[in-house]
C-alpha cells in the first residue's frame, strides 16, 4: 500500500496565489496525501480560503496560528504531520501533477530518504509551462557529493527544501530556525548529510513563482544578515565532520557574503555603525582564523588579504558603488 505523504504549506497573506497552489496539491496523481495548510496569522482572506478548501477535500487540514514566520509555520506543520514522507510547498508556488508520484517512486525504489527534482522558474511575464515528454535519468549521490553542490552551479536547487521529498524521520533532530529568513540555508545541508544518499532528477516538477513583491526581491534590509549565521553554523559543522574541502568552500562563500552585506550596509544604513563594525570584525576574524588557506590559489589568497586591509577598494565595493 502507498505510504502517506504530508504536504506542508506555510501561508501568509497569499490569497491571490492559493487558487493556483492548493488545486495543484489536490490534483496530484499520488492520492494518499494529507495537505496541511498553515495559516500563519494572515490579515487577508487566506484563512477563509484555506477553510473553504478543507470543505472540498477531506485530506486538507488547516492550522490557524499567530504570525511566526515561515520556519515556525513549517515546524508546526511537521508536528501535525502523520505521513511517512514530507514535502514543502510555498503558498505562491504550485507543483506538477506527478510531483509526489515521481519523487515518492524515486525514494521507494532506491530505498532513499530524499528525492529531488528541478524547479521551473516563472514570472508574470513568463508564466508558460512547456509540454515535456522527455524521460529523465535518475542519479544517486552520496551525501558528501551532494553537499558539494551547495557551492556549485546547482546551489540554487540544492540549498532549498521545496523541490524535495523527505522521509519524515530526518526531522527527528532537525528543525527550521525560527525568526530567520533564508531558513532553508540553515537546514538543507543537515538533512542532506543525515540522508547518506539522495536521488536526483532533472525533470522540472516544481513551479517557483518569482514575485516582484517577495521578501528577497523587495530591496536590501538587515534581515539579509540572517544568512551569515547559517554560514557560521556550516563552518562549525564542516569542522566537526573534519571535511576541509567543504569548509573551504563554505568559508569562501561566507566571506563573499560578508563583503556584500558590509558594503550594502554602508550604502543603505550609513548611520548603523555597530552593524558595519561587526561585519568588519567578522571579515578580519575569518581571515585570521582561516585554517586551510593553502587550498586556495595565490590569486584568491591575495584577494582575501587585500579585503582585510583595504576593504574600500574591493571589487564588490566598486560594483555596488
C-alpha atoms as a PDB file:
ATOM      1  CA  UNK A   1       0.000   0.000   0.000  1.00  0.00           C
ATOM      2  CA  UNK A   2       1.240   3.507  -0.818  1.00  0.00           C
ATOM      3  CA  UNK A   3       2.572   5.338   2.230  1.00  0.00           C
ATOM      4  CA  UNK A   4       1.011   8.552   3.484  1.00  0.00           C
ATOM      5  CA  UNK A   5       2.727  11.735   2.265  1.00  0.00           C
ATOM      6  CA  UNK A   6       2.235  15.035   4.115  1.00  0.00           C
ATOM      7  CA  UNK A   7       2.454  18.285   2.125  1.00  0.00           C
ATOM      8  CA  UNK A   8       3.082  21.320   4.353  1.00  0.00           C
ATOM      9  CA  UNK A   9       2.199  24.801   3.048  1.00  0.00           C
ATOM     10  CA  UNK A  10       3.064  27.879   5.163  1.00  0.00           C
ATOM     11  CA  UNK A  11       0.639  30.661   4.249  1.00  0.00           C
ATOM     12  CA  UNK A  12       0.849  34.369   4.980  1.00  0.00           C
ATOM     13  CA  UNK A  13      -1.249  36.896   3.052  1.00  0.00           C
ATOM     14  CA  UNK A  14      -1.287  34.646  -0.016  1.00  0.00           C
ATOM     15  CA  UNK A  15      -4.940  34.873  -1.063  1.00  0.00           C
ATOM     16  CA  UNK A  16      -4.138  35.719  -4.680  1.00  0.00           C
ATOM     17  CA  UNK A  17      -1.900  32.649  -5.079  1.00  0.00           C
ATOM     18  CA  UNK A  18      -3.879  29.903  -3.328  1.00  0.00           C
ATOM     19  CA  UNK A  19      -6.136  29.194  -6.322  1.00  0.00           C
ATOM     20  CA  UNK A  20      -3.013  28.037  -8.162  1.00  0.00           C
ATOM     21  CA  UNK A  21      -1.225  26.394  -5.261  1.00  0.00           C
ATOM     22  CA  UNK A  22      -3.857  24.302  -3.458  1.00  0.00           C
ATOM     23  CA  UNK A  23      -5.570  22.758  -6.542  1.00  0.00           C
ATOM     24  CA  UNK A  24      -2.144  21.567  -7.726  1.00  0.00           C
ATOM     25  CA  UNK A  25      -1.874  19.629  -4.447  1.00  0.00           C
ATOM     26  CA  UNK A  26      -5.415  18.283  -4.557  1.00  0.00           C
ATOM     27  CA  UNK A  27      -4.968  17.067  -8.152  1.00  0.00           C
ATOM     28  CA  UNK A  28      -1.814  15.040  -7.541  1.00  0.00           C
ATOM     29  CA  UNK A  29      -1.711  11.675  -9.293  1.00  0.00           C
ATOM     30  CA  UNK A  30      -0.481  10.228  -5.988  1.00  0.00           C
ATOM     31  CA  UNK A  31      -3.618  10.157  -3.837  1.00  0.00           C
ATOM     32  CA  UNK A  32      -2.557   9.028  -0.337  1.00  0.00           C
ATOM     33  CA  UNK A  33      -1.910  12.550   0.911  1.00  0.00           C
ATOM     34  CA  UNK A  34      -2.596  14.856   3.791  1.00  0.00           C
ATOM     35  CA  UNK A  35      -2.364  18.524   2.890  1.00  0.00           C
ATOM     36  CA  UNK A  36      -1.502  20.749   5.854  1.00  0.00           C
ATOM     37  CA  UNK A  37      -2.282  24.426   5.265  1.00  0.00           C
ATOM     38  CA  UNK A  38      -0.683  26.532   7.998  1.00  0.00           C
ATOM     39  CA  UNK A  39      -2.315  29.961   8.083  1.00  0.00           C
ATOM     40  CA  UNK A  40       0.451  31.983   9.732  1.00  0.00           C
ATOM     41  CA  UNK A  41      -1.577  34.929  11.032  1.00  0.00           C
ATOM     42  CA  UNK A  42      -2.696  36.199   7.629  1.00  0.00           C
ATOM     43  CA  UNK A  43      -4.547  39.514   7.678  1.00  0.00           C
ATOM     44  CA  UNK A  44      -6.215  38.956   4.289  1.00  0.00           C
ATOM     45  CA  UNK A  45      -8.724  36.231   3.306  1.00  0.00           C
ATOM     46  CA  UNK A  46      -6.120  33.448   3.168  1.00  0.00           C
ATOM     47  CA  UNK A  47      -7.505  31.755   6.280  1.00  0.00           C
ATOM     48  CA  UNK A  48     -11.058  31.756   4.899  1.00  0.00           C
ATOM     49  CA  UNK A  49      -9.854  30.294   1.604  1.00  0.00           C
ATOM     50  CA  UNK A  50      -7.993  27.547   3.484  1.00  0.00           C
ATOM     51  CA  UNK A  51     -11.166  26.626   5.371  1.00  0.00           C
ATOM     52  CA  UNK A  52     -13.132  26.554   2.103  1.00  0.00           C
ATOM     53  CA  UNK A  53     -10.592  24.208   0.529  1.00  0.00           C
ATOM     54  CA  UNK A  54     -10.858  21.922   3.569  1.00  0.00           C
ATOM     55  CA  UNK A  55     -14.615  21.628   2.926  1.00  0.00           C
ATOM     56  CA  UNK A  56     -13.879  20.488  -0.632  1.00  0.00           C
ATOM     57  CA  UNK A  57     -11.243  17.832   0.170  1.00  0.00           C
ATOM     58  CA  UNK A  58     -11.150  15.782   3.380  1.00  0.00           C
ATOM     59  CA  UNK A  59      -7.387  15.317   3.032  1.00  0.00           C
ATOM     60  CA  UNK A  60      -6.841  19.003   3.843  1.00  0.00           C
ATOM     61  CA  UNK A  61      -6.092  20.007   7.428  1.00  0.00           C
ATOM     62  CA  UNK A  62      -5.923  23.694   8.365  1.00  0.00           C
ATOM     63  CA  UNK A  63      -3.970  25.217  11.240  1.00  0.00           C
ATOM     64  CA  UNK A  64      -4.630  28.855  12.142  1.00  0.00           C
ATOM     65  CA  UNK A  65      -1.849  30.390  14.247  1.00  0.00           C
ATOM     66  CA  UNK A  66      -0.362  33.753  15.161  1.00  0.00           C
ATOM     67  CA  UNK A  67       2.302  35.009  12.801  1.00  0.00           C
ATOM     68  CA  UNK A  68       5.696  33.466  13.467  1.00  0.00           C
ATOM     69  CA  UNK A  69       7.317  33.304  10.035  1.00  0.00           C
ATOM     70  CA  UNK A  70       7.934  30.526   7.530  1.00  0.00           C
ATOM     71  CA  UNK A  71      10.182  28.469   9.826  1.00  0.00           C
ATOM     72  CA  UNK A  72       7.661  28.472  12.650  1.00  0.00           C
ATOM     73  CA  UNK A  73       4.839  27.550  10.255  1.00  0.00           C
ATOM     74  CA  UNK A  74       6.829  24.647   8.817  1.00  0.00           C
ATOM     75  CA  UNK A  75       7.791  23.405  12.285  1.00  0.00           C
ATOM     76  CA  UNK A  76       4.126  23.493  13.342  1.00  0.00           C
ATOM     77  CA  UNK A  77       3.208  21.587  10.188  1.00  0.00           C
ATOM     78  CA  UNK A  78       5.843  18.965  10.963  1.00  0.00           C
ATOM     79  CA  UNK A  79       4.348  18.452  14.429  1.00  0.00           C
ATOM     80  CA  UNK A  80       0.921  17.883  12.857  1.00  0.00           C
ATOM     81  CA  UNK A  81       2.134  15.659  10.028  1.00  0.00           C
ATOM     82  CA  UNK A  82       1.220  11.971  10.122  1.00  0.00           C
ATOM     83  CA  UNK A  83       2.871  10.994   6.846  1.00  0.00           C
ATOM     84  CA  UNK A  84       5.978   8.858   6.428  1.00  0.00           C
ATOM     85  CA  UNK A  85       7.184  11.373   3.844  1.00  0.00           C
ATOM     86  CA  UNK A  86       7.163  15.177   3.926  1.00  0.00           C
ATOM     87  CA  UNK A  87       7.036  17.747   1.116  1.00  0.00           C
ATOM     88  CA  UNK A  88       7.095  21.533   1.485  1.00  0.00           C
ATOM     89  CA  UNK A  89       5.342  23.820  -0.994  1.00  0.00           C
ATOM     90  CA  UNK A  90       5.413  27.614  -0.726  1.00  0.00           C
ATOM     91  CA  UNK A  91       1.992  29.243  -0.965  1.00  0.00           C
ATOM     92  CA  UNK A  92       2.835  31.328  -4.048  1.00  0.00           C
ATOM     93  CA  UNK A  93       4.128  28.287  -5.955  1.00  0.00           C
ATOM     94  CA  UNK A  94       2.497  25.163  -7.384  1.00  0.00           C
ATOM     95  CA  UNK A  95       3.582  21.699  -8.476  1.00  0.00           C
ATOM     96  CA  UNK A  96       3.270  19.334 -11.416  1.00  0.00           C
ATOM     97  CA  UNK A  97       0.513  16.745 -11.001  1.00  0.00           C
ATOM     98  CA  UNK A  98       3.164  14.000 -10.798  1.00  0.00           C
ATOM     99  CA  UNK A  99       5.477  15.794  -8.337  1.00  0.00           C
ATOM    100  CA  UNK A 100       4.701  13.485  -5.408  1.00  0.00           C
ATOM    101  CA  UNK A 101       4.352  10.356  -7.549  1.00  0.00           C
ATOM    102  CA  UNK A 102       7.756  10.730  -9.185  1.00  0.00           C
ATOM    103  CA  UNK A 103       9.692  11.683  -6.049  1.00  0.00           C
ATOM    104  CA  UNK A 104       7.961   9.019  -3.936  1.00  0.00           C
ATOM    105  CA  UNK A 105       8.835   6.350  -6.509  1.00  0.00           C
ATOM    106  CA  UNK A 106      12.468   7.546  -6.546  1.00  0.00           C
ATOM    107  CA  UNK A 107      12.678   7.195  -2.766  1.00  0.00           C
ATOM    108  CA  UNK A 108      10.915   3.844  -2.511  1.00  0.00           C
ATOM    109  CA  UNK A 109      12.569   2.074  -5.446  1.00  0.00           C
ATOM    110  CA  UNK A 110      16.043   3.138  -4.328  1.00  0.00           C
ATOM    111  CA  UNK A 111      15.405   2.882  -0.556  1.00  0.00           C
ATOM    112  CA  UNK A 112      16.471   6.513  -0.094  1.00  0.00           C
ATOM    113  CA  UNK A 113      15.238   9.208   2.328  1.00  0.00           C
ATOM    114  CA  UNK A 114      15.408  12.212  -0.069  1.00  0.00           C
ATOM    115  CA  UNK A 115      14.441  12.721  -3.701  1.00  0.00           C
ATOM    116  CA  UNK A 116      14.938  15.998  -5.557  1.00  0.00           C
ATOM    117  CA  UNK A 117      13.635  17.461  -8.825  1.00  0.00           C
ATOM    118  CA  UNK A 118      14.485  20.545 -10.863  1.00  0.00           C
ATOM    119  CA  UNK A 119      12.316  23.662 -10.393  1.00  0.00           C
ATOM    120  CA  UNK A 120      10.908  25.730 -13.222  1.00  0.00           C
ATOM    121  CA  UNK A 121      11.042  29.477 -12.510  1.00  0.00           C
ATOM    122  CA  UNK A 122       8.037  31.530 -13.575  1.00  0.00           C
ATOM    123  CA  UNK A 123       7.185  35.245 -13.598  1.00  0.00           C
ATOM    124  CA  UNK A 124       4.087  37.224 -14.557  1.00  0.00           C
ATOM    125  CA  UNK A 125       5.815  37.992 -17.847  1.00  0.00           C
ATOM    126  CA  UNK A 126       6.753  34.345 -18.423  1.00  0.00           C
ATOM    127  CA  UNK A 127       4.048  32.122 -16.979  1.00  0.00           C
ATOM    128  CA  UNK A 128       4.277  29.481 -19.696  1.00  0.00           C
ATOM    129  CA  UNK A 129       4.791  25.836 -18.721  1.00  0.00           C
ATOM    130  CA  UNK A 130       6.220  23.907 -21.678  1.00  0.00           C
ATOM    131  CA  UNK A 131       4.981  20.426 -22.545  1.00  0.00           C
ATOM    132  CA  UNK A 132       7.510  17.839 -21.569  1.00  0.00           C
ATOM    133  CA  UNK A 133       7.615  14.267 -22.900  1.00  0.00           C
ATOM    134  CA  UNK A 134      11.244  13.529 -22.086  1.00  0.00           C
ATOM    135  CA  UNK A 135      12.457  10.642 -19.977  1.00  0.00           C
ATOM    136  CA  UNK A 136      14.871  11.757 -17.301  1.00  0.00           C
ATOM    137  CA  UNK A 137      17.775   9.861 -15.823  1.00  0.00           C
ATOM    138  CA  UNK A 138      17.771   9.404 -12.065  1.00  0.00           C
ATOM    139  CA  UNK A 139      21.148   9.957 -10.436  1.00  0.00           C
ATOM    140  CA  UNK A 140      22.108   8.759  -6.967  1.00  0.00           C
ATOM    141  CA  UNK A 141      24.552  10.862  -4.942  1.00  0.00           C
ATOM    142  CA  UNK A 142      26.079  10.119  -1.594  1.00  0.00           C
ATOM    143  CA  UNK A 143      25.704  12.872   0.967  1.00  0.00           C
ATOM    144  CA  UNK A 144      29.210  14.327   0.688  1.00  0.00           C
ATOM    145  CA  UNK A 145      28.996  14.535  -3.111  1.00  0.00           C
ATOM    146  CA  UNK A 146      25.597  16.191  -2.815  1.00  0.00           C
ATOM    147  CA  UNK A 147      26.953  18.691  -0.289  1.00  0.00           C
ATOM    148  CA  UNK A 148      29.488  19.790  -2.904  1.00  0.00           C
ATOM    149  CA  UNK A 149      26.503  21.001  -4.956  1.00  0.00           C
ATOM    150  CA  UNK A 150      25.750  23.592  -2.283  1.00  0.00           C
ATOM    151  CA  UNK A 151      28.631  25.592  -3.765  1.00  0.00           C
ATOM    152  CA  UNK A 152      28.311  24.829  -7.472  1.00  0.00           C
ATOM    153  CA  UNK A 153      26.074  25.760 -10.389  1.00  0.00           C
ATOM    154  CA  UNK A 154      23.475  23.530  -8.690  1.00  0.00           C
ATOM    155  CA  UNK A 155      23.474  25.600  -5.488  1.00  0.00           C
ATOM    156  CA  UNK A 156      20.045  27.163  -6.111  1.00  0.00           C
ATOM    157  CA  UNK A 157      18.333  23.761  -6.293  1.00  0.00           C
ATOM    158  CA  UNK A 158      20.397  22.041  -3.599  1.00  0.00           C
ATOM    159  CA  UNK A 159      20.064  24.695  -0.878  1.00  0.00           C
ATOM    160  CA  UNK A 160      16.243  24.682  -0.815  1.00  0.00           C
ATOM    161  CA  UNK A 161      13.762  22.175   0.633  1.00  0.00           C
ATOM    162  CA  UNK A 162      10.692  22.827  -1.522  1.00  0.00           C
ATOM    163  CA  UNK A 163      11.863  20.817  -4.560  1.00  0.00           C
ATOM    164  CA  UNK A 164      12.392  17.681  -2.477  1.00  0.00           C
ATOM    165  CA  UNK A 165      10.546  14.822  -0.795  1.00  0.00           C
ATOM    166  CA  UNK A 166      11.876  13.793   2.625  1.00  0.00           C
ATOM    167  CA  UNK A 167      11.368  10.777   4.808  1.00  0.00           C
ATOM    168  CA  UNK A 168       9.880  12.249   7.949  1.00  0.00           C
ATOM    169  CA  UNK A 169      12.362  10.715  10.403  1.00  0.00           C
ATOM    170  CA  UNK A 170      15.064  13.019   9.029  1.00  0.00           C
ATOM    171  CA  UNK A 171      13.368  15.788  11.023  1.00  0.00           C
ATOM    172  CA  UNK A 172      13.602  13.954  14.345  1.00  0.00           C
ATOM    173  CA  UNK A 173      16.584  16.113  15.331  1.00  0.00           C
ATOM    174  CA  UNK A 174      16.395  18.881  12.714  1.00  0.00           C
ATOM    175  CA  UNK A 175      14.029  21.867  12.636  1.00  0.00           C
ATOM    176  CA  UNK A 176      13.819  25.213  10.867  1.00  0.00           C
ATOM    177  CA  UNK A 177      15.364  28.220  12.682  1.00  0.00           C
ATOM    178  CA  UNK A 178      12.508  30.411  13.876  1.00  0.00           C
ATOM    179  CA  UNK A 179      12.850  34.125  13.137  1.00  0.00           C
ATOM    180  CA  UNK A 180      15.282  33.848  10.224  1.00  0.00           C
ATOM    181  CA  UNK A 181      14.767  34.356   6.531  1.00  0.00           C
ATOM    182  CA  UNK A 182      16.554  32.019   4.098  1.00  0.00           C
ATOM    183  CA  UNK A 183      15.646  29.270   6.560  1.00  0.00           C
ATOM    184  CA  UNK A 184      16.396  26.536   4.005  1.00  0.00           C
ATOM    185  CA  UNK A 185      20.030  27.588   4.062  1.00  0.00           C
ATOM    186  CA  UNK A 186      20.231  26.605   7.730  1.00  0.00           C
ATOM    187  CA  UNK A 187      18.681  23.165   7.314  1.00  0.00           C
ATOM    188  CA  UNK A 188      19.276  21.740   3.831  1.00  0.00           C
ATOM    189  CA  UNK A 189      22.886  20.694   4.453  1.00  0.00           C
ATOM    190  CA  UNK A 190      21.957  18.944   7.714  1.00  0.00           C
ATOM    191  CA  UNK A 191      19.165  16.997   6.015  1.00  0.00           C
ATOM    192  CA  UNK A 192      21.414  16.010   3.111  1.00  0.00           C
ATOM    193  CA  UNK A 193      24.171  14.843   5.444  1.00  0.00           C
ATOM    194  CA  UNK A 194      21.707  12.822   7.547  1.00  0.00           C
ATOM    195  CA  UNK A 195      20.258  11.177   4.428  1.00  0.00           C
ATOM    196  CA  UNK A 196      23.501   9.389   3.425  1.00  0.00           C
ATOM    197  CA  UNK A 197      22.244   9.110  -0.189  1.00  0.00           C
ATOM    198  CA  UNK A 198      19.924  11.244  -2.356  1.00  0.00           C
ATOM    199  CA  UNK A 199      18.104  10.595  -5.651  1.00  0.00           C
ATOM    200  CA  UNK A 200      18.047  13.468  -8.162  1.00  0.00           C
ATOM    201  CA  UNK A 201      16.134  14.019 -11.388  1.00  0.00           C
ATOM    202  CA  UNK A 202      16.327  16.974 -13.754  1.00  0.00           C
ATOM    203  CA  UNK A 203      12.637  16.661 -14.523  1.00  0.00           C
ATOM    204  CA  UNK A 204      11.006  20.072 -13.816  1.00  0.00           C
ATOM    205  CA  UNK A 205       8.188  19.257 -11.389  1.00  0.00           C
ATOM    206  CA  UNK A 206       8.106  22.259  -9.049  1.00  0.00           C
ATOM    207  CA  UNK A 207       6.909  25.643 -10.344  1.00  0.00           C
ATOM    208  CA  UNK A 208       8.516  28.515  -8.466  1.00  0.00           C
ATOM    209  CA  UNK A 209       6.816  31.872  -8.958  1.00  0.00           C
ATOM    210  CA  UNK A 210       9.180  34.844  -8.798  1.00  0.00           C
ATOM    211  CA  UNK A 211       7.006  37.580  -7.381  1.00  0.00           C
ATOM    212  CA  UNK A 212       8.289  41.133  -7.541  1.00  0.00           C
ATOM    213  CA  UNK A 213       6.888  41.648  -4.042  1.00  0.00           C
ATOM    214  CA  UNK A 214       8.690  38.702  -2.450  1.00  0.00           C
ATOM    215  CA  UNK A 215      10.862  39.354   0.602  1.00  0.00           C
ATOM    216  CA  UNK A 216      14.106  38.545  -1.193  1.00  0.00           C
ATOM    217  CA  UNK A 217      13.280  40.761  -4.187  1.00  0.00           C
ATOM    218  CA  UNK A 218      11.996  43.805  -2.304  1.00  0.00           C
ATOM    219  CA  UNK A 219      15.296  45.604  -1.784  1.00  0.00           C
ATOM    220  CA  UNK A 220      18.048  45.294   0.776  1.00  0.00           C
ATOM    221  CA  UNK A 221      17.271  45.128   4.509  1.00  0.00           C
ATOM    222  CA  UNK A 222      19.102  43.965   7.611  1.00  0.00           C
ATOM    223  CA  UNK A 223      17.262  40.625   7.681  1.00  0.00           C
ATOM    224  CA  UNK A 224      19.616  39.613   4.871  1.00  0.00           C
ATOM    225  CA  UNK A 225      22.266  39.262   7.582  1.00  0.00           C
ATOM    226  CA  UNK A 226      20.498  36.066   8.699  1.00  0.00           C
ATOM    227  CA  UNK A 227      22.413  34.140   6.058  1.00  0.00           C
ATOM    228  CA  UNK A 228      25.674  34.866   7.893  1.00  0.00           C
ATOM    229  CA  UNK A 229      24.507  32.890  10.923  1.00  0.00           C
ATOM    230  CA  UNK A 230      23.754  29.964   8.619  1.00  0.00           C
ATOM    231  CA  UNK A 231      27.252  30.137   7.103  1.00  0.00           C
ATOM    232  CA  UNK A 232      28.817  30.251  10.567  1.00  0.00           C
ATOM    233  CA  UNK A 233      26.848  27.143  11.555  1.00  0.00           C
ATOM    234  CA  UNK A 234      28.007  25.421   8.378  1.00  0.00           C
ATOM    235  CA  UNK A 235      31.630  26.247   9.129  1.00  0.00           C
ATOM    236  CA  UNK A 236      31.259  24.713  12.593  1.00  0.00           C
ATOM    237  CA  UNK A 237      29.539  21.657  11.125  1.00  0.00           C
ATOM    238  CA  UNK A 238      32.129  21.008   8.410  1.00  0.00           C
ATOM    239  CA  UNK A 239      34.834  21.396  11.053  1.00  0.00           C
ATOM    240  CA  UNK A 240      33.042  18.840  13.249  1.00  0.00           C
ATOM    241  CA  UNK A 241      32.996  16.244  10.432  1.00  0.00           C
ATOM    242  CA  UNK A 242      36.593  17.113   9.514  1.00  0.00           C
ATOM    243  CA  UNK A 243      35.848  17.954   5.871  1.00  0.00           C
ATOM    244  CA  UNK A 244      38.347  20.624   4.862  1.00  0.00           C
ATOM    245  CA  UNK A 245      37.138  20.967   1.255  1.00  0.00           C
ATOM    246  CA  UNK A 246      33.557  21.769   2.242  1.00  0.00           C
ATOM    247  CA  UNK A 247      34.870  24.039   5.000  1.00  0.00           C
ATOM    248  CA  UNK A 248      36.944  25.947   2.440  1.00  0.00           C
ATOM    249  CA  UNK A 249      34.065  26.356   0.028  1.00  0.00           C
ATOM    250  CA  UNK A 250      31.727  27.487   2.749  1.00  0.00           C
ATOM    251  CA  UNK A 251      34.320  29.940   4.061  1.00  0.00           C
ATOM    252  CA  UNK A 252      34.821  31.391   0.583  1.00  0.00           C
ATOM    253  CA  UNK A 253      31.058  31.929   0.123  1.00  0.00           C
ATOM    254  CA  UNK A 254      30.811  33.253   3.684  1.00  0.00           C
ATOM    255  CA  UNK A 255      33.486  35.881   3.041  1.00  0.00           C
ATOM    256  CA  UNK A 256      31.783  36.929  -0.188  1.00  0.00           C
ATOM    257  CA  UNK A 257      28.505  37.287   1.685  1.00  0.00           C
ATOM    258  CA  UNK A 258      30.241  39.266   4.437  1.00  0.00           C
ATOM    259  CA  UNK A 259      31.698  41.645   1.883  1.00  0.00           C
ATOM    260  CA  UNK A 260      28.445  42.113   0.023  1.00  0.00           C
ATOM    261  CA  UNK A 261      26.499  42.773   3.221  1.00  0.00           C
ATOM    262  CA  UNK A 262      29.233  45.073   4.548  1.00  0.00           C
ATOM    263  CA  UNK A 263      29.009  47.348   1.534  1.00  0.00           C
ATOM    264  CA  UNK A 264      25.221  47.131   1.318  1.00  0.00           C
ATOM    265  CA  UNK A 265      25.064  48.280   4.955  1.00  0.00           C
ATOM    266  CA  UNK A 266      27.433  51.151   4.127  1.00  0.00           C
ATOM    267  CA  UNK A 267      25.225  52.098   1.210  1.00  0.00           C
ATOM    268  CA  UNK A 268      21.744  51.816   2.772  1.00  0.00           C
ATOM    269  CA  UNK A 269      22.358  52.042   6.534  1.00  0.00           C
ATOM    270  CA  UNK A 270      25.020  54.704   6.890  1.00  0.00           C
ATOM    271  CA  UNK A 271      24.065  55.542  10.494  1.00  0.00           C
ATOM    272  CA  UNK A 272      24.203  51.964  11.796  1.00  0.00           C
ATOM    273  CA  UNK A 273      27.891  51.918  12.674  1.00  0.00           C
ATOM    274  CA  UNK A 274      27.594  48.941  15.015  1.00  0.00           C
ATOM    275  CA  UNK A 275      26.373  46.599  12.251  1.00  0.00           C
ATOM    276  CA  UNK A 276      29.154  47.676   9.919  1.00  0.00           C
ATOM    277  CA  UNK A 277      31.785  47.326  12.632  1.00  0.00           C
ATOM    278  CA  UNK A 278      30.564  43.815  13.461  1.00  0.00           C
ATOM    279  CA  UNK A 279      30.726  42.801   9.806  1.00  0.00           C
ATOM    280  CA  UNK A 280      34.215  44.287   9.572  1.00  0.00           C
ATOM    281  CA  UNK A 281      35.303  42.297  12.650  1.00  0.00           C
ATOM    282  CA  UNK A 282      33.911  39.125  11.121  1.00  0.00           C
ATOM    283  CA  UNK A 283      35.831  39.768   7.906  1.00  0.00           C
ATOM    284  CA  UNK A 284      39.087  40.144   9.843  1.00  0.00           C
ATOM    285  CA  UNK A 285      38.312  37.132  12.038  1.00  0.00           C
ATOM    286  CA  UNK A 286      37.501  34.918   9.055  1.00  0.00           C
ATOM    287  CA  UNK A 287      40.874  35.822   7.550  1.00  0.00           C
ATOM    288  CA  UNK A 288      42.808  35.311  10.778  1.00  0.00           C
ATOM    289  CA  UNK A 289      41.107  32.007  11.578  1.00  0.00           C
ATOM    290  CA  UNK A 290      41.435  30.595   8.097  1.00  0.00           C
ATOM    291  CA  UNK A 291      42.872  27.133   8.635  1.00  0.00           C
ATOM    292  CA  UNK A 292      43.257  25.807   5.131  1.00  0.00           C
ATOM    293  CA  UNK A 293      44.322  28.788   3.014  1.00  0.00           C
ATOM    294  CA  UNK A 294      46.885  26.772   1.063  1.00  0.00           C
ATOM    295  CA  UNK A 295      43.948  25.071  -0.635  1.00  0.00           C
ATOM    296  CA  UNK A 296      43.162  28.349  -2.384  1.00  0.00           C
ATOM    297  CA  UNK A 297      45.149  29.757  -5.272  1.00  0.00           C
ATOM    298  CA  UNK A 298      47.598  32.593  -4.695  1.00  0.00           C
ATOM    299  CA  UNK A 299      45.194  34.918  -6.515  1.00  0.00           C
ATOM    300  CA  UNK A 300      42.366  34.120  -4.071  1.00  0.00           C
ATOM    301  CA  UNK A 301      44.635  34.397  -1.014  1.00  0.00           C
ATOM    302  CA  UNK A 302      45.888  37.769  -2.261  1.00  0.00           C
ATOM    303  CA  UNK A 303      42.310  38.927  -2.735  1.00  0.00           C
ATOM    304  CA  UNK A 304      41.450  37.862   0.823  1.00  0.00           C
ATOM    305  CA  UNK A 305      44.438  39.749   2.218  1.00  0.00           C
ATOM    306  CA  UNK A 306      43.501  42.873   0.258  1.00  0.00           C
ATOM    307  CA  UNK A 307      39.924  42.630   1.522  1.00  0.00           C
ATOM    308  CA  UNK A 308      41.240  42.513   5.068  1.00  0.00           C
ATOM    309  CA  UNK A 309      43.430  45.606   4.879  1.00  0.00           C
ATOM    310  CA  UNK A 310      41.776  47.631   2.091  1.00  0.00           C
ATOM    311  CA  UNK A 311      38.017  46.811   2.019  1.00  0.00           C
ATOM    312  CA  UNK A 312      37.128  50.120   0.383  1.00  0.00           C
ATOM    313  CA  UNK A 313      38.926  49.074  -2.791  1.00  0.00           C
ATOM    314  CA  UNK A 314      37.444  45.604  -3.299  1.00  0.00           C
ATOM    315  CA  UNK A 315      35.595  44.615  -6.446  1.00  0.00           C
ATOM    316  CA  UNK A 316      32.317  44.257  -4.503  1.00  0.00           C
ATOM    317  CA  UNK A 317      32.508  47.876  -3.395  1.00  0.00           C
ATOM    318  CA  UNK A 318      33.132  49.083  -6.918  1.00  0.00           C
ATOM    319  CA  UNK A 319      30.147  47.108  -8.223  1.00  0.00           C
ATOM    320  CA  UNK A 320      27.826  48.422  -5.525  1.00  0.00           C
ATOM    321  CA  UNK A 321      29.079  51.970  -5.836  1.00  0.00           C
END
